[in-house]
Every structure is written in structure tokens, then in C-alpha cells.
Amino acid sequence: MFGLSFLFSLVAALAFAWWLGPAPSLGHALSHGLVAGAALVAASFGINYQFANRSFRLWLIDGGYHTVQFVLFGLVLGSWR
């Protein structure tokens, strides 16, 4: 389970790095991480959770986790020089 989760995270990080392009600035990478996490992933979870009748609190936890994940991807990629 953890190995597959790591593999999926690696795929997400590689796709995010491709989306940012070569050598992004820290601010650019962080803002794109926030957009990817909150506006793409968490918003998509929100749609699914609404139809699955899952709680708002669970959406905050799961959406927040992935938002932080993409912001951290941005932090690493924006600091990498």
C-alpha cells in the first residue's frame, strides 16, 4: 500500500514539475502548487464527496492534505537550483 502510494505521489510530482517547466521561481512554484492542490484536486474531491454524501470535514482533511502536498512539491521545485 505504501509503495503504491509513493509511486502515485511520484507520478503527481513529475507531472507537476513538467507543468511548471524548467527552473521556476519559488513564488511561481508555490502559487501553482496552491492552485493545483486547492483548485484542481480539492475541488474535484468536493464534487465526488458531494455525490457520495461524505462530510465537509472529511473533504477538508483530504483536500487539505493534497493541497499541502502540492505546495510542498512547489517548495522543493522552486528551491531547487
PDB file of N, CA and C in Angstrom:
ATOM      1  N   MET A   1       0.829  -1.190   0.000  1.00  0.00           N
ATOM      2  CA  MET A   1       0.000   0.000   0.000  1.00  0.00           C
ATOM      3  C   MET A   1       0.879   1.261   0.000  1.00  0.00           C
ATOM      4  N   PHE A   2       1.900   1.268   0.861  1.00  0.00           N
ATOM      5  CA  PHE A   2       2.749   2.462   0.924  1.00  0.00           C
ATOM      6  C   PHE A   2       3.602   2.615  -0.325  1.00  0.00           C
ATOM      7  N   GLY A   3       4.042   1.499  -0.879  1.00  0.00           N
ATOM      8  CA  GLY A   3       4.831   1.570  -2.109  1.00  0.00           C
ATOM      9  C   GLY A   3       4.027   2.128  -3.271  1.00  0.00           C
ATOM     10  N   LEU A   4       2.793   1.677  -3.405  1.00  0.00           N
ATOM     11  CA  LEU A   4       1.947   2.175  -4.478  1.00  0.00           C
ATOM     12  C   LEU A   4       1.579   3.642  -4.254  1.00  0.00           C
ATOM     13  N   SER A   5       1.346   4.014  -3.003  1.00  0.00           N
ATOM     14  CA  SER A   5       1.067   5.420  -2.687  1.00  0.00           C
ATOM     15  C   SER A   5       2.261   6.299  -3.039  1.00  0.00           C
ATOM     16  N   PHE A   6       3.457   5.818  -2.735  1.00  0.00           N
ATOM     17  CA  PHE A   6       4.666   6.555  -3.094  1.00  0.00           C
ATOM     18  C   PHE A   6       4.782   6.699  -4.613  1.00  0.00           C
ATOM     19  N   LEU A   7       4.480   5.627  -5.325  1.00  0.00           N
ATOM     20  CA  LEU A   7       4.543   5.665  -6.784  1.00  0.00           C
ATOM     21  C   LEU A   7       3.561   6.680  -7.364  1.00  0.00           C
ATOM     22  N   PHE A   8       2.332   6.716  -6.840  1.00  0.00           N
ATOM     23  CA  PHE A   8       1.349   7.699  -7.301  1.00  0.00           C
ATOM     24  C   PHE A   8       1.797   9.127  -6.979  1.00  0.00           C
ATOM     25  N   SER A   9       2.387   9.327  -5.810  1.00  0.00           N
ATOM     26  CA  SER A   9       2.898  10.653  -5.452  1.00  0.00           C
ATOM     27  C   SER A   9       4.041  11.066  -6.367  1.00  0.00           C
ATOM     28  N   LEU A  10       4.869  10.127  -6.722  1.00  0.00           N
ATOM     29  CA  LEU A  10       5.977  10.412  -7.634  1.00  0.00           C
ATOM     30  C   LEU A  10       5.444  10.806  -9.007  1.00  0.00           C
ATOM     31  N   VAL A  11       4.430  10.115  -9.489  1.00  0.00           N
ATOM     32  CA  VAL A  11       3.814  10.464 -10.765  1.00  0.00           C
ATOM     33  C   VAL A  11       3.232  11.872 -10.697  1.00  0.00           C
ATOM     34  N   ALA A  12       2.546  12.190  -9.588  1.00  0.00           N
ATOM     35  CA  ALA A  12       1.977  13.533  -9.422  1.00  0.00           C
ATOM     36  C   ALA A  12       3.075  14.593  -9.391  1.00  0.00           C
ATOM     37  N   ALA A  13       4.170  14.314  -8.681  1.00  0.00           N
ATOM     38  CA  ALA A  13       5.271  15.276  -8.604  1.00  0.00           C
ATOM     39  C   ALA A  13       5.930  15.481  -9.969  1.00  0.00           C
ATOM     40  N   LEU A  14       6.094  14.413 -10.720  1.00  0.00           N
ATOM     41  CA  LEU A  14       6.686  14.535 -12.060  1.00  0.00           C
ATOM     42  C   LEU A  14       5.777  15.325 -12.995  1.00  0.00           C
ATOM     43  N   ALA A  15       4.485  15.069 -12.938  1.00  0.00           N
ATOM     44  CA  ALA A  15       3.545  15.824 -13.774  1.00  0.00           C
ATOM     45  C   ALA A  15       3.530  17.296 -13.369  1.00  0.00           C
ATOM     46  N   PHE A  16       3.595  17.562 -12.081  1.00  0.00           N
ATOM     47  CA  PHE A  16       3.620  18.942 -11.590  1.00  0.00           C
ATOM     48  C   PHE A  16       4.900  19.643 -12.049  1.00  0.00           C
ATOM     49  N   ALA A  17       6.030  18.956 -11.963  1.00  0.00           N
ATOM     50  CA  ALA A  17       7.301  19.535 -12.414  1.00  0.00           C
ATOM     51  C   ALA A  17       7.257  19.828 -13.908  1.00  0.00           C
ATOM     52  N   TRP A  18       6.653  18.934 -14.682  1.00  0.00           N
ATOM     53  CA  TRP A  18       6.508  19.161 -16.118  1.00  0.00           C
ATOM     54  C   TRP A  18       5.630  20.384 -16.387  1.00  0.00           C
ATOM     55  N   TRP A  19       4.544  20.517 -15.600  1.00  0.00           N
ATOM     56  CA  TRP A  19       3.619  21.640 -15.750  1.00  0.00           C
ATOM     57  C   TRP A  19       4.321  22.966 -15.443  1.00  0.00           C
ATOM     58  N   LEU A  20       5.200  22.972 -14.428  1.00  0.00           N
ATOM     59  CA  LEU A  20       5.896  24.207 -14.054  1.00  0.00           C
ATOM     60  C   LEU A  20       6.945  24.622 -15.070  1.00  0.00           C
ATOM     61  N   GLY A  21       7.590  23.668 -15.677  1.00  0.00           N
ATOM     62  CA  GLY A  21       8.661  23.979 -16.615  1.00  0.00           C
ATOM     63  C   GLY A  21       9.993  24.065 -15.899  1.00  0.00           C
ATOM     64  N   PRO A  22      11.059  24.323 -16.654  1.00  0.00           N
ATOM     65  CA  PRO A  22      12.399  24.327 -16.063  1.00  0.00           C
ATOM     66  C   PRO A  22      12.650  25.543 -15.167  1.00  0.00           C
ATOM     67  N   ALA A  23      13.265  25.280 -14.032  1.00  0.00           N
ATOM     68  CA  ALA A  23      13.735  26.301 -13.082  1.00  0.00           C
ATOM     69  C   ALA A  23      12.701  27.375 -12.751  1.00  0.00           C
ATOM     70  N   PRO A  24      11.555  27.005 -12.173  1.00  0.00           N
ATOM     71  CA  PRO A  24      10.571  28.028 -11.797  1.00  0.00           C
ATOM     72  C   PRO A  24      11.052  28.799 -10.565  1.00  0.00           C
ATOM     73  N   SER A  25      10.602  30.034 -10.438  1.00  0.00           N
ATOM     74  CA  SER A  25      10.919  30.789  -9.225  1.00  0.00           C
ATOM     75  C   SER A  25      10.125  30.198  -8.065  1.00  0.00           C
ATOM     76  N   LEU A  26      10.543  30.503  -6.856  1.00  0.00           N
ATOM     77  CA  LEU A  26       9.878  29.951  -5.678  1.00  0.00           C
ATOM     78  C   LEU A  26       8.424  30.411  -5.608  1.00  0.00           C
ATOM     79  N   GLY A  27       8.180  31.685  -5.827  1.00  0.00           N
ATOM     80  CA  GLY A  27       6.811  32.203  -5.771  1.00  0.00           C
ATOM     81  C   GLY A  27       5.911  31.582  -6.824  1.00  0.00           C
ATOM     82  N   HIS A  28       6.452  31.421  -8.024  1.00  0.00           N
ATOM     83  CA  HIS A  28       5.702  30.800  -9.116  1.00  0.00           C
ATOM     84  C   HIS A  28       5.354  29.353  -8.768  1.00  0.00           C
ATOM     85  N   ALA A  29       6.320  28.616  -8.248  1.00  0.00           N
ATOM     86  CA  ALA A  29       6.104  27.209  -7.912  1.00  0.00           C
ATOM     87  C   ALA A  29       5.114  27.062  -6.756  1.00  0.00           C
ATOM     88  N   LEU A  30       5.218  27.921  -5.736  1.00  0.00           N
ATOM     89  CA  LEU A  30       4.293  27.842  -4.601  1.00  0.00           C
ATOM     90  C   LEU A  30       2.868  28.205  -5.010  1.00  0.00           C
ATOM     91  N   SER A  31       2.725  29.248  -5.807  1.00  0.00           N
ATOM     92  CA  SER A  31       1.371  29.641  -6.219  1.00  0.00           C
ATOM     93  C   SER A  31       0.743  28.579  -7.115  1.00  0.00           C
ATOM     94  N   HIS A  32       1.525  27.966  -7.973  1.00  0.00           N
ATOM     95  CA  HIS A  32       0.995  26.889  -8.812  1.00  0.00           C
ATOM     96  C   HIS A  32       0.683  25.641  -7.980  1.00  0.00           C
ATOM     97  N   GLY A  33       1.460  25.402  -6.936  1.00  0.00           N
ATOM     98  CA  GLY A  33       1.154  24.296  -6.033  1.00  0.00           C
ATOM     99  C   GLY A  33      -0.163  24.511  -5.322  1.00  0.00           C
ATOM    100  N   LEU A  34      -0.410  25.739  -4.893  1.00  0.00           N
ATOM    101  CA  LEU A  34      -1.683  26.068  -4.243  1.00  0.00           C
ATOM    102  C   LEU A  34      -2.848  25.907  -5.212  1.00  0.00           C
ATOM    103  N   VAL A  35      -2.673  26.358  -6.435  1.00  0.00           N
ATOM    104  CA  VAL A  35      -3.738  26.217  -7.443  1.00  0.00           C
ATOM    105  C   VAL A  35      -3.985  24.742  -7.756  1.00  0.00           C
ATOM    106  N   ALA A  36      -2.922  23.983  -7.963  1.00  0.00           N
ATOM    107  CA  ALA A  36      -3.090  22.565  -8.291  1.00  0.00           C
ATOM    108  C   ALA A  36      -3.783  21.824  -7.156  1.00  0.00           C
ATOM    109  N   GLY A  37      -3.361  22.083  -5.920  1.00  0.00           N
ATOM    110  CA  GLY A  37      -3.948  21.379  -4.786  1.00  0.00           C
ATOM    111  C   GLY A  37      -5.370  21.797  -4.487  1.00  0.00           C
ATOM    112  N   ALA A  38      -5.599  23.105  -4.404  1.00  0.00           N
ATOM    113  CA  ALA A  38      -6.917  23.598  -3.990  1.00  0.00           C
ATOM    114  C   ALA A  38      -7.923  23.629  -5.137  1.00  0.00           C
ATOM    115  N   ALA A  39      -7.515  24.165  -6.286  1.00  0.00           N
ATOM    116  CA  ALA A  39      -8.483  24.381  -7.366  1.00  0.00           C
ATOM    117  C   ALA A  39      -8.674  23.158  -8.250  1.00  0.00           C
ATOM    118  N   LEU A  40      -7.688  22.290  -8.324  1.00  0.00           N
ATOM    119  CA  LEU A  40      -7.842  21.096  -9.166  1.00  0.00           C
ATOM    120  C   LEU A  40      -8.191  19.866  -8.336  1.00  0.00           C
ATOM    121  N   VAL A  41      -7.327  19.507  -7.395  1.00  0.00           N
ATOM    122  CA  VAL A  41      -7.535  18.267  -6.641  1.00  0.00           C
ATOM    123  C   VAL A  41      -8.665  18.411  -5.622  1.00  0.00           C
ATOM    124  N   ALA A  42      -8.575  19.408  -4.731  1.00  0.00           N
ATOM    125  CA  ALA A  42      -9.599  19.546  -3.688  1.00  0.00           C
ATOM    126  C   ALA A  42     -10.974  19.847  -4.278  1.00  0.00           C
ATOM    127  N   ALA A  43     -11.027  20.637  -5.331  1.00  0.00           N
ATOM    128  CA  ALA A  43     -12.314  20.920  -5.966  1.00  0.00           C
ATOM    129  C   ALA A  43     -12.903  19.651  -6.587  1.00  0.00           C
ATOM    130  N   SER A  44     -12.056  18.835  -7.197  1.00  0.00           N
ATOM    131  CA  SER A  44     -12.534  17.564  -7.755  1.00  0.00           C
ATOM    132  C   SER A  44     -13.026  16.636  -6.657  1.00  0.00           C
ATOM    133  N   PHE A  45     -12.289  16.596  -5.544  1.00  0.00           N
ATOM    134  CA  PHE A  45     -12.762  15.811  -4.401  1.00  0.00           C
ATOM    135  C   PHE A  45     -14.113  16.326  -3.923  1.00  0.00           C
ATOM    136  N   GLY A  46     -14.279  17.642  -3.902  1.00  0.00           N
ATOM    137  CA  GLY A  46     -15.535  18.227  -3.453  1.00  0.00           C
ATOM    138  C   GLY A  46     -16.720  17.762  -4.279  1.00  0.00           C
ATOM    139  N   ILE A  47     -16.530  17.679  -5.579  1.00  0.00           N
ATOM    140  CA  ILE A  47     -17.602  17.192  -6.449  1.00  0.00           C
ATOM    141  C   ILE A  47     -17.927  15.736  -6.116  1.00  0.00           C
ATOM    142  N   ASN A  48     -16.894  14.907  -6.017  1.00  0.00           N
ATOM    143  CA  ASN A  48     -17.114  13.494  -5.714  1.00  0.00           C
ATOM    144  C   ASN A  48     -17.717  13.298  -4.332  1.00  0.00           C
ATOM    145  N   TYR A  49     -17.237  14.040  -3.348  1.00  0.00           N
ATOM    146  CA  TYR A  49     -17.731  13.887  -1.981  1.00  0.00           C
ATOM    147  C   TYR A  49     -19.176  14.336  -1.860  1.00  0.00           C
ATOM    148  N   GLN A  50     -19.567  15.324  -2.628  1.00  0.00           N
ATOM    149  CA  GLN A  50     -20.952  15.778  -2.603  1.00  0.00           C
ATOM    150  C   GLN A  50     -21.882  14.659  -3.067  1.00  0.00           C
ATOM    151  N   PHE A  51     -21.540  14.009  -4.171  1.00  0.00           N
ATOM    152  CA  PHE A  51     -22.385  12.938  -4.688  1.00  0.00           C
ATOM    153  C   PHE A  51     -22.290  11.663  -3.845  1.00  0.00           C
ATOM    154  N   ALA A  52     -21.176  11.469  -3.157  1.00  0.00           N
ATOM    155  CA  ALA A  52     -21.021  10.300  -2.282  1.00  0.00           C
ATOM    156  C   ALA A  52     -21.594  10.567  -0.894  1.00  0.00           C
ATOM    157  N   ASN A  53     -22.080  11.787  -0.676  1.00  0.00           N
ATOM    158  CA  ASN A  53     -22.665  12.194   0.611  1.00  0.00           C
ATOM    159  C   ASN A  53     -21.660  12.058   1.759  1.00  0.00           C
ATOM    160  N   ARG A  54     -20.415  12.431   1.487  1.00  0.00           N
ATOM    161  CA  ARG A  54     -19.372  12.427   2.520  1.00  0.00           C
ATOM    162  C   ARG A  54     -19.362  13.780   3.202  1.00  0.00           C
ATOM    163  N   SER A  55     -18.804  13.814   4.384  1.00  0.00           N
ATOM    164  CA  SER A  55     -18.877  15.021   5.206  1.00  0.00           C
ATOM    165  C   SER A  55     -17.937  16.123   4.712  1.00  0.00           C
ATOM    166  N   PHE A  56     -18.297  17.340   5.058  1.00  0.00           N
ATOM    167  CA  PHE A  56     -17.479  18.510   4.741  1.00  0.00           C
ATOM    168  C   PHE A  56     -16.137  18.411   5.461  1.00  0.00           C
ATOM    169  N   ARG A  57     -16.149  17.900   6.672  1.00  0.00           N
ATOM    170  CA  ARG A  57     -14.913  17.748   7.449  1.00  0.00           C
ATOM    171  C   ARG A  57     -13.949  16.787   6.751  1.00  0.00           C
ATOM    172  N   LEU A  58     -14.472  15.677   6.230  1.00  0.00           N
ATOM    173  CA  LEU A  58     -13.626  14.732   5.512  1.00  0.00           C
ATOM    174  C   LEU A  58     -13.043  15.375   4.253  1.00  0.00           C
ATOM    175  N   TRP A  59     -13.838  16.185   3.569  1.00  0.00           N
ATOM    176  CA  TRP A  59     -13.336  16.892   2.394  1.00  0.00           C
ATOM    177  C   TRP A  59     -12.212  17.854   2.785  1.00  0.00           C
ATOM    178  N   LEU A  60     -12.380  18.558   3.906  1.00  0.00           N
ATOM    179  CA  LEU A  60     -11.317  19.463   4.361  1.00  0.00           C
ATOM    180  C   LEU A  60     -10.025  18.703   4.648  1.00  0.00           C
ATOM    181  N   ILE A  61     -10.144  17.539   5.266  1.00  0.00           N
ATOM    182  CA  ILE A  61      -8.956  16.739   5.588  1.00  0.00           C
ATOM    183  C   ILE A  61      -8.284  16.246   4.306  1.00  0.00           C
ATOM    184  N   ASP A  62      -9.054  15.598   3.449  1.00  0.00           N
ATOM    185  CA  ASP A  62      -8.474  15.012   2.232  1.00  0.00           C
ATOM    186  C   ASP A  62      -8.025  16.077   1.238  1.00  0.00           C
ATOM    187  N   GLY A  63      -8.847  17.085   1.014  1.00  0.00           N
ATOM    188  CA  GLY A  63      -8.463  18.167   0.111  1.00  0.00           C
ATOM    189  C   GLY A  63      -7.298  18.970   0.651  1.00  0.00           C
ATOM    190  N   GLY A  64      -7.296  19.203   1.958  1.00  0.00           N
ATOM    191  CA  GLY A  64      -6.198  19.930   2.587  1.00  0.00           C
ATOM    192  C   GLY A  64      -4.882  19.179   2.501  1.00  0.00           C
ATOM    193  N   TYR A  65      -4.951  17.865   2.670  1.00  0.00           N
ATOM    194  CA  TYR A  65      -3.740  17.044   2.563  1.00  0.00           C
ATOM    195  C   TYR A  65      -3.101  17.208   1.184  1.00  0.00           C
ATOM    196  N   HIS A  66      -3.903  17.100   0.149  1.00  0.00           N
ATOM    197  CA  HIS A  66      -3.350  17.200  -1.201  1.00  0.00           C
ATOM    198  C   HIS A  66      -2.950  18.627  -1.560  1.00  0.00           C
ATOM    199  N   THR A  67      -3.618  19.606  -0.996  1.00  0.00           N
ATOM    200  CA  THR A  67      -3.193  20.991  -1.211  1.00  0.00           C
ATOM    201  C   THR A  67      -1.812  21.211  -0.601  1.00  0.00           C
ATOM    202  N   VAL A  68      -1.618  20.741   0.620  1.00  0.00           N
ATOM    203  CA  VAL A  68      -0.300  20.847   1.263  1.00  0.00           C
ATOM    204  C   VAL A  68       0.735  20.058   0.464  1.00  0.00           C
ATOM    205  N   GLN A  69       0.348  18.893  -0.030  1.00  0.00           N
ATOM    206  CA  GLN A  69       1.264  18.076  -0.824  1.00  0.00           C
ATOM    207  C   GLN A  69       1.774  18.853  -2.042  1.00  0.00           C
ATOM    208  N   PHE A  70       0.887  19.495  -2.778  1.00  0.00           N
ATOM    209  CA  PHE A  70       1.314  20.220  -3.971  1.00  0.00           C
ATOM    210  C   PHE A  70       2.074  21.495  -3.627  1.00  0.00           C
ATOM    211  N   VAL A  71       1.741  22.139  -2.538  1.00  0.00           N
ATOM    212  CA  VAL A  71       2.527  23.303  -2.105  1.00  0.00           C
ATOM    213  C   VAL A  71       3.939  22.863  -1.738  1.00  0.00           C
ATOM    214  N   LEU A  72       4.068  21.705  -1.090  1.00  0.00           N
ATOM    215  CA  LEU A  72       5.404  21.186  -0.775  1.00  0.00           C
ATOM    216  C   LEU A  72       6.167  20.804  -2.047  1.00  0.00           C
ATOM    217  N   PHE A  73       5.476  20.231  -3.015  1.00  0.00           N
ATOM    218  CA  PHE A  73       6.119  19.983  -4.312  1.00  0.00           C
ATOM    219  C   PHE A  73       6.660  21.299  -4.867  1.00  0.00           C
ATOM    220  N   GLY A  74       5.849  22.353  -4.794  1.00  0.00           N
ATOM    221  CA  GLY A  74       6.270  23.663  -5.281  1.00  0.00           C
ATOM    222  C   GLY A  74       7.449  24.207  -4.507  1.00  0.00           C
ATOM    223  N   LEU A  75       7.449  23.996  -3.195  1.00  0.00           N
ATOM    224  CA  LEU A  75       8.564  24.457  -2.364  1.00  0.00           C
ATOM    225  C   LEU A  75       9.864  23.779  -2.779  1.00  0.00           C
ATOM    226  N   VAL A  76       9.815  22.482  -2.968  1.00  0.00           N
ATOM    227  CA  VAL A  76      11.022  21.745  -3.358  1.00  0.00           C
ATOM    228  C   VAL A  76      11.472  22.157  -4.755  1.00  0.00           C
ATOM    229  N   LEU A  77      10.549  22.189  -5.696  1.00  0.00           N
ATOM    230  CA  LEU A  77      10.922  22.514  -7.077  1.00  0.00           C
ATOM    231  C   LEU A  77      11.356  23.969  -7.238  1.00  0.00           C
ATOM    232  N   GLY A  78      10.720  24.874  -6.499  1.00  0.00           N
ATOM    233  CA  GLY A  78      11.095  26.287  -6.578  1.00  0.00           C
ATOM    234  C   GLY A  78      12.417  26.585  -5.887  1.00  0.00           C
ATOM    235  N   SER A  79      12.805  25.747  -4.940  1.00  0.00           N
ATOM    236  CA  SER A  79      14.073  25.940  -4.217  1.00  0.00           C
ATOM    237  C   SER A  79      15.233  25.222  -4.898  1.00  0.00           C
ATOM    238  N   TRP A  80      14.941  24.379  -5.822  1.00  0.00           N
ATOM    239  CA  TRP A  80      15.949  23.533  -6.472  1.00  0.00           C
ATOM    240  C   TRP A  80      16.728  24.343  -7.492  1.00  0.00           C
ATOM    241  N   ARG A  81      17.947  24.676  -7.205  1.00  0.00           N
ATOM    242  CA  ARG A  81      18.793  25.415  -8.150  1.00  0.00           C
ATOM    243  C   ARG A  81      20.199  24.978  -8.024  1.00  0.00           C
TER     244      ARG A  81
END
